Amino acid sequence: MLKRACLIAFAAAILCCVTPRDSRAEYAPQVGQRHDDFLLPSLADWEPIALSQFRGRKVLLIHFASW
């Protein structure tokens, strides 16, 4: 069990060193910059709504991920 935990920790350390850290710099949104258009279902009737339908209005987009 201890060997497996050490192996997993070692593999994670290697992955952190190998993964390019500048990948975050490729996506650096600025205030006022337009976001790519996408579709999501509405909560009321599940009809698709595009982000472009809100053009001219203030929209707060929150990007998150849970792994």
PDB file of N, CA and C in Angstrom:
ATOM      1  N   MET A   1       0.836  -1.200   0.000  1.00  0.00           N
ATOM      2  CA  MET A   1       0.000   0.000   0.000  1.00  0.00           C
ATOM      3  C   MET A   1       0.874   1.255   0.000  1.00  0.00           C
ATOM      4  N   LEU A   2       1.920   1.255   0.803  1.00  0.00           N
ATOM      5  CA  LEU A   2       2.825   2.397   0.861  1.00  0.00           C
ATOM      6  C   LEU A   2       3.563   2.562  -0.466  1.00  0.00           C
ATOM      7  N   LYS A   3       3.930   1.439  -1.098  1.00  0.00           N
ATOM      8  CA  LYS A   3       4.598   1.503  -2.398  1.00  0.00           C
ATOM      9  C   LYS A   3       3.690   2.156  -3.438  1.00  0.00           C
ATOM     10  N   ARG A   4       2.413   1.760  -3.423  1.00  0.00           N
ATOM     11  CA  ARG A   4       1.456   2.310  -4.390  1.00  0.00           C
ATOM     12  C   ARG A   4       1.282   3.809  -4.165  1.00  0.00           C
ATOM     13  N   ALA A   5       1.175   4.242  -2.923  1.00  0.00           N
ATOM     14  CA  ALA A   5       1.010   5.665  -2.623  1.00  0.00           C
ATOM     15  C   ALA A   5       2.239   6.453  -3.068  1.00  0.00           C
ATOM     16  N   CYS A   6       3.418   5.893  -2.845  1.00  0.00           N
ATOM     17  CA  CYS A   6       4.645   6.565  -3.272  1.00  0.00           C
ATOM     18  C   CYS A   6       4.716   6.646  -4.791  1.00  0.00           C
ATOM     19  N   LEU A   7       4.312   5.590  -5.459  1.00  0.00           N
ATOM     20  CA  LEU A   7       4.328   5.573  -6.917  1.00  0.00           C
ATOM     21  C   LEU A   7       3.352   6.607  -7.482  1.00  0.00           C
ATOM     22  N   ILE A   8       2.179   6.714  -6.890  1.00  0.00           N
ATOM     23  CA  ILE A   8       1.193   7.699  -7.343  1.00  0.00           C
ATOM     24  C   ILE A   8       1.709   9.113  -7.102  1.00  0.00           C
ATOM     25  N   ALA A   9       2.315   9.357  -5.952  1.00  0.00           N
ATOM     26  CA  ALA A   9       2.865  10.675  -5.649  1.00  0.00           C
ATOM     27  C   ALA A   9       3.991  11.027  -6.618  1.00  0.00           C
ATOM     28  N   PHE A  10       4.829  10.054  -6.935  1.00  0.00           N
ATOM     29  CA  PHE A  10       5.922  10.282  -7.868  1.00  0.00           C
ATOM     30  C   PHE A  10       5.378  10.598  -9.260  1.00  0.00           C
ATOM     31  N   ALA A  11       4.362   9.850  -9.698  1.00  0.00           N
ATOM     32  CA  ALA A  11       3.766  10.090 -11.011  1.00  0.00           C
ATOM     33  C   ALA A  11       3.117  11.473 -11.058  1.00  0.00           C
ATOM     34  N   ALA A  12       2.467  11.883  -9.996  1.00  0.00           N
ATOM     35  CA  ALA A  12       1.840  13.206  -9.948  1.00  0.00           C
ATOM     36  C   ALA A  12       2.898  14.306 -10.017  1.00  0.00           C
ATOM     37  N   ALA A  13       4.005  14.101  -9.330  1.00  0.00           N
ATOM     38  CA  ALA A  13       5.090  15.089  -9.363  1.00  0.00           C
ATOM     39  C   ALA A  13       5.671  15.208 -10.763  1.00  0.00           C
ATOM     40  N   ILE A  14       5.834  14.085 -11.441  1.00  0.00           N
ATOM     41  CA  ILE A  14       6.359  14.108 -12.808  1.00  0.00           C
ATOM     42  C   ILE A  14       5.382  14.832 -13.733  1.00  0.00           C
ATOM     43  N   LEU A  15       4.093  14.549 -13.591  1.00  0.00           N
ATOM     44  CA  LEU A  15       3.091  15.213 -14.424  1.00  0.00           C
ATOM     45  C   LEU A  15       3.090  16.722 -14.211  1.00  0.00           C
ATOM     46  N   CYS A  16       3.270  17.148 -12.982  1.00  0.00           N
ATOM     47  CA  CYS A  16       3.294  18.584 -12.707  1.00  0.00           C
ATOM     48  C   CYS A  16       4.505  19.245 -13.352  1.00  0.00           C
ATOM     49  N   CYS A  17       5.602  18.545 -13.391  1.00  0.00           N
ATOM     50  CA  CYS A  17       6.826  19.103 -13.987  1.00  0.00           C
ATOM     51  C   CYS A  17       6.756  19.104 -15.509  1.00  0.00           C
ATOM     52  N   VAL A  18       6.071  18.127 -16.083  1.00  0.00           N
ATOM     53  CA  VAL A  18       6.026  17.991 -17.536  1.00  0.00           C
ATOM     54  C   VAL A  18       4.959  18.883 -18.147  1.00  0.00           C
ATOM     55  N   THR A  19       3.871  19.139 -17.436  1.00  0.00           N
ATOM     56  CA  THR A  19       2.773  19.950 -17.956  1.00  0.00           C
ATOM     57  C   THR A  19       3.247  21.390 -18.140  1.00  0.00           C
ATOM     58  N   PRO A  20       3.040  21.967 -19.336  1.00  0.00           N
ATOM     59  CA  PRO A  20       3.474  23.349 -19.555  1.00  0.00           C
ATOM     60  C   PRO A  20       2.674  24.311 -18.691  1.00  0.00           C
ATOM     61  N   ARG A  21       3.361  25.179 -18.023  1.00  0.00           N
ATOM     62  CA  ARG A  21       2.680  26.135 -17.144  1.00  0.00           C
ATOM     63  C   ARG A  21       2.187  27.353 -17.905  1.00  0.00           C
ATOM     64  N   ASP A  22       2.664  27.541 -19.125  1.00  0.00           N
ATOM     65  CA  ASP A  22       2.251  28.702 -19.907  1.00  0.00           C
ATOM     66  C   ASP A  22       0.919  28.485 -20.592  1.00  0.00           C
ATOM     67  N   SER A  23       0.290  27.326 -20.398  1.00  0.00           N
ATOM     68  CA  SER A  23      -1.001  27.075 -21.035  1.00  0.00           C
ATOM     69  C   SER A  23      -2.064  28.035 -20.515  1.00  0.00           C
ATOM     70  N   ARG A  24      -1.901  28.531 -19.297  1.00  0.00           N
ATOM     71  CA  ARG A  24      -2.849  29.499 -18.756  1.00  0.00           C
ATOM     72  C   ARG A  24      -2.721  30.840 -19.467  1.00  0.00           C
ATOM     73  N   ALA A  25      -1.533  31.151 -19.947  1.00  0.00           N
ATOM     74  CA  ALA A  25      -1.310  32.434 -20.609  1.00  0.00           C
ATOM     75  C   ALA A  25      -2.015  32.488 -21.965  1.00  0.00           C
ATOM     76  N   GLU A  26      -2.295  31.340 -22.571  1.00  0.00           N
ATOM     77  CA  GLU A  26      -2.984  31.322 -23.848  1.00  0.00           C
ATOM     78  C   GLU A  26      -4.409  31.852 -23.719  1.00  0.00           C
ATOM     79  N   TYR A  27      -5.065  31.577 -22.602  1.00  0.00           N
ATOM     80  CA  TYR A  27      -6.420  32.051 -22.373  1.00  0.00           C
ATOM     81  C   TYR A  27      -6.381  33.029 -21.214  1.00  0.00           C
ATOM     82  N   ALA A  28      -6.306  34.278 -21.554  1.00  0.00           N
ATOM     83  CA  ALA A  28      -6.288  35.322 -20.539  1.00  0.00           C
ATOM     84  C   ALA A  28      -7.328  36.374 -20.926  1.00  0.00           C
ATOM     85  N   PRO A  29      -8.610  36.129 -20.606  1.00  0.00           N
ATOM     86  CA  PRO A  29      -9.654  37.070 -21.014  1.00  0.00           C
ATOM     87  C   PRO A  29      -9.497  38.415 -20.322  1.00  0.00           C
ATOM     88  N   GLN A  30      -9.904  39.441 -21.017  1.00  0.00           N
ATOM     89  CA  GLN A  30      -9.848  40.799 -20.499  1.00  0.00           C
ATOM     90  C   GLN A  30     -11.270  41.335 -20.385  1.00  0.00           C
ATOM     91  N   VAL A  31     -11.458  42.313 -19.536  1.00  0.00           N
ATOM     92  CA  VAL A  31     -12.767  42.945 -19.386  1.00  0.00           C
ATOM     93  C   VAL A  31     -13.158  43.574 -20.718  1.00  0.00           C
ATOM     94  N   GLY A  32     -14.357  43.282 -21.176  1.00  0.00           N
ATOM     95  CA  GLY A  32     -14.843  43.821 -22.429  1.00  0.00           C
ATOM     96  C   GLY A  32     -14.546  42.957 -23.640  1.00  0.00           C
ATOM     97  N   GLN A  33     -13.723  41.945 -23.468  1.00  0.00           N
ATOM     98  CA  GLN A  33     -13.400  41.049 -24.588  1.00  0.00           C
ATOM     99  C   GLN A  33     -14.578  40.118 -24.851  1.00  0.00           C
ATOM    100  N   ARG A  34     -14.890  39.865 -26.125  1.00  0.00           N
ATOM    101  CA  ARG A  34     -16.006  38.993 -26.466  1.00  0.00           C
ATOM    102  C   ARG A  34     -15.640  37.539 -26.266  1.00  0.00           C
ATOM    103  N   HIS A  35     -16.569  36.796 -25.732  1.00  0.00           N
ATOM    104  CA  HIS A  35     -16.412  35.362 -25.506  1.00  0.00           C
ATOM    105  C   HIS A  35     -16.934  34.619 -26.729  1.00  0.00           C
ATOM    106  N   ASP A  36     -16.418  33.423 -26.983  1.00  0.00           N
ATOM    107  CA  ASP A  36     -16.948  32.602 -28.064  1.00  0.00           C
ATOM    108  C   ASP A  36     -18.409  32.277 -27.783  1.00  0.00           C
ATOM    109  N   ASP A  37     -19.196  32.202 -28.845  1.00  0.00           N
ATOM    110  CA  ASP A  37     -20.622  31.913 -28.692  1.00  0.00           C
ATOM    111  C   ASP A  37     -20.825  30.439 -28.334  1.00  0.00           C
ATOM    112  N   PHE A  38     -21.809  30.156 -27.506  1.00  0.00           N
ATOM    113  CA  PHE A  38     -22.151  28.782 -27.147  1.00  0.00           C
ATOM    114  C   PHE A  38     -23.633  28.696 -26.813  1.00  0.00           C
ATOM    115  N   LEU A  39     -24.159  27.481 -26.797  1.00  0.00           N
ATOM    116  CA  LEU A  39     -25.570  27.231 -26.500  1.00  0.00           C
ATOM    117  C   LEU A  39     -25.704  26.489 -25.178  1.00  0.00           C
ATOM    118  N   LEU A  40     -26.722  26.846 -24.423  1.00  0.00           N
ATOM    119  CA  LEU A  40     -27.085  26.138 -23.199  1.00  0.00           C
ATOM    120  C   LEU A  40     -28.601  26.019 -23.147  1.00  0.00           C
ATOM    121  N   PRO A  41     -29.131  24.976 -22.526  1.00  0.00           N
ATOM    122  CA  PRO A  41     -30.587  24.878 -22.400  1.00  0.00           C
ATOM    123  C   PRO A  41     -31.100  25.834 -21.329  1.00  0.00           C
ATOM    124  N   SER A  42     -32.272  26.416 -21.589  1.00  0.00           N
ATOM    125  CA  SER A  42     -32.870  27.304 -20.588  1.00  0.00           C
ATOM    126  C   SER A  42     -33.443  26.459 -19.452  1.00  0.00           C
ATOM    127  N   LEU A  43     -33.544  27.063 -18.303  1.00  0.00           N
ATOM    128  CA  LEU A  43     -34.067  26.346 -17.143  1.00  0.00           C
ATOM    129  C   LEU A  43     -35.586  26.202 -17.207  1.00  0.00           C
ATOM    130  N   ALA A  44     -36.252  27.104 -17.914  1.00  0.00           N
ATOM    131  CA  ALA A  44     -37.713  27.088 -17.949  1.00  0.00           C
ATOM    132  C   ALA A  44     -38.271  25.994 -18.856  1.00  0.00           C
ATOM    133  N   ASP A  45     -37.793  25.954 -20.112  1.00  0.00           N
ATOM    134  CA  ASP A  45     -38.395  25.019 -21.059  1.00  0.00           C
ATOM    135  C   ASP A  45     -37.370  24.195 -21.840  1.00  0.00           C
ATOM    136  N   TRP A  46     -36.133  24.230 -21.452  1.00  0.00           N
ATOM    137  CA  TRP A  46     -35.044  23.448 -22.060  1.00  0.00           C
ATOM    138  C   TRP A  46     -34.773  23.818 -23.514  1.00  0.00           C
ATOM    139  N   GLU A  47     -35.287  24.953 -23.961  1.00  0.00           N
ATOM    140  CA  GLU A  47     -34.967  25.441 -25.303  1.00  0.00           C
ATOM    141  C   GLU A  47     -33.552  26.022 -25.289  1.00  0.00           C
ATOM    142  N   PRO A  48     -32.787  25.795 -26.349  1.00  0.00           N
ATOM    143  CA  PRO A  48     -31.409  26.303 -26.352  1.00  0.00           C
ATOM    144  C   PRO A  48     -31.360  27.830 -26.412  1.00  0.00           C
ATOM    145  N   ILE A  49     -30.463  28.391 -25.640  1.00  0.00           N
ATOM    146  CA  ILE A  49     -30.232  29.835 -25.607  1.00  0.00           C
ATOM    147  C   ILE A  49     -28.764  30.059 -25.938  1.00  0.00           C
ATOM    148  N   ALA A  50     -28.504  30.966 -26.858  1.00  0.00           N
ATOM    149  CA  ALA A  50     -27.136  31.286 -27.253  1.00  0.00           C
ATOM    150  C   ALA A  50     -26.643  32.504 -26.477  1.00  0.00           C
ATOM    151  N   LEU A  51     -25.379  32.526 -26.223  1.00  0.00           N
ATOM    152  CA  LEU A  51     -24.781  33.681 -25.554  1.00  0.00           C
ATOM    153  C   LEU A  51     -24.956  34.933 -26.411  1.00  0.00           C
ATOM    154  N   SER A  52     -24.940  34.778 -27.714  1.00  0.00           N
ATOM    155  CA  SER A  52     -25.080  35.929 -28.616  1.00  0.00           C
ATOM    156  C   SER A  52     -26.441  36.605 -28.485  1.00  0.00           C
ATOM    157  N   GLN A  53     -27.441  35.923 -27.919  1.00  0.00           N
ATOM    158  CA  GLN A  53     -28.752  36.539 -27.707  1.00  0.00           C
ATOM    159  C   GLN A  53     -28.698  37.650 -26.657  1.00  0.00           C
ATOM    160  N   PHE A  54     -27.653  37.674 -25.867  1.00  0.00           N
ATOM    161  CA  PHE A  54     -27.516  38.674 -24.812  1.00  0.00           C
ATOM    162  C   PHE A  54     -26.584  39.812 -25.210  1.00  0.00           C
ATOM    163  N   ARG A  55     -26.243  39.906 -26.493  1.00  0.00           N
ATOM    164  CA  ARG A  55     -25.337  40.952 -26.966  1.00  0.00           C
ATOM    165  C   ARG A  55     -25.944  42.312 -26.653  1.00  0.00           C
ATOM    166  N   GLY A  56     -25.118  43.193 -26.119  1.00  0.00           N
ATOM    167  CA  GLY A  56     -25.577  44.522 -25.732  1.00  0.00           C
ATOM    168  C   GLY A  56     -25.972  44.607 -24.275  1.00  0.00           C
ATOM    169  N   ARG A  57     -26.064  43.464 -23.602  1.00  0.00           N
ATOM    170  CA  ARG A  57     -26.392  43.437 -22.168  1.00  0.00           C
ATOM    171  C   ARG A  57     -25.159  42.999 -21.395  1.00  0.00           C
ATOM    172  N   LYS A  58     -25.152  43.307 -20.123  1.00  0.00           N
ATOM    173  CA  LYS A  58     -24.052  42.857 -19.282  1.00  0.00           C
ATOM    174  C   LYS A  58     -24.320  41.425 -18.857  1.00  0.00           C
ATOM    175  N   VAL A  59     -23.315  40.565 -19.029  1.00  0.00           N
ATOM    176  CA  VAL A  59     -23.434  39.148 -18.696  1.00  0.00           C
ATOM    177  C   VAL A  59     -22.218  38.757 -17.857  1.00  0.00           C
ATOM    178  N   LEU A  60     -22.455  38.046 -16.790  1.00  0.00           N
ATOM    179  CA  LEU A  60     -21.376  37.533 -15.953  1.00  0.00           C
ATOM    180  C   LEU A  60     -21.222  36.050 -16.246  1.00  0.00           C
ATOM    181  N   LEU A  61     -20.061  35.648 -16.766  1.00  0.00           N
ATOM    182  CA  LEU A  61     -19.776  34.239 -17.025  1.00  0.00           C
ATOM    183  C   LEU A  61     -18.822  33.736 -15.961  1.00  0.00           C
ATOM    184  N   ILE A  62     -19.193  32.651 -15.338  1.00  0.00           N
ATOM    185  CA  ILE A  62     -18.342  32.043 -14.327  1.00  0.00           C
ATOM    186  C   ILE A  62     -17.925  30.670 -14.848  1.00  0.00           C
ATOM    187  N   HIS A  63     -16.648  30.518 -15.095  1.00  0.00           N
ATOM    188  CA  HIS A  63     -16.113  29.231 -15.576  1.00  0.00           C
ATOM    189  C   HIS A  63     -15.571  28.470 -14.377  1.00  0.00           C
ATOM    190  N   PHE A  64     -15.941  27.228 -14.263  1.00  0.00           N
ATOM    191  CA  PHE A  64     -15.423  26.416 -13.187  1.00  0.00           C
ATOM    192  C   PHE A  64     -15.402  24.965 -13.636  1.00  0.00           C
ATOM    193  N   ALA A  65     -14.677  24.177 -12.913  1.00  0.00           N
ATOM    194  CA  ALA A  65     -14.631  22.741 -13.189  1.00  0.00           C
ATOM    195  C   ALA A  65     -14.503  22.018 -11.852  1.00  0.00           C
ATOM    196  N   SER A  66     -15.117  20.873 -11.771  1.00  0.00           N
ATOM    197  CA  SER A  66     -14.946  20.037 -10.574  1.00  0.00           C
ATOM    198  C   SER A  66     -14.551  18.649 -11.039  1.00  0.00           C
ATOM    199  N   TRP A  67     -13.442  18.238 -10.567  1.00  0.00           N
ATOM    200  CA  TRP A  67     -12.954  16.911 -10.973  1.00  0.00           C
ATOM    201  C   TRP A  67     -13.066  15.948  -9.836  1.00  0.00           C
TER     202      TRP A  67
END
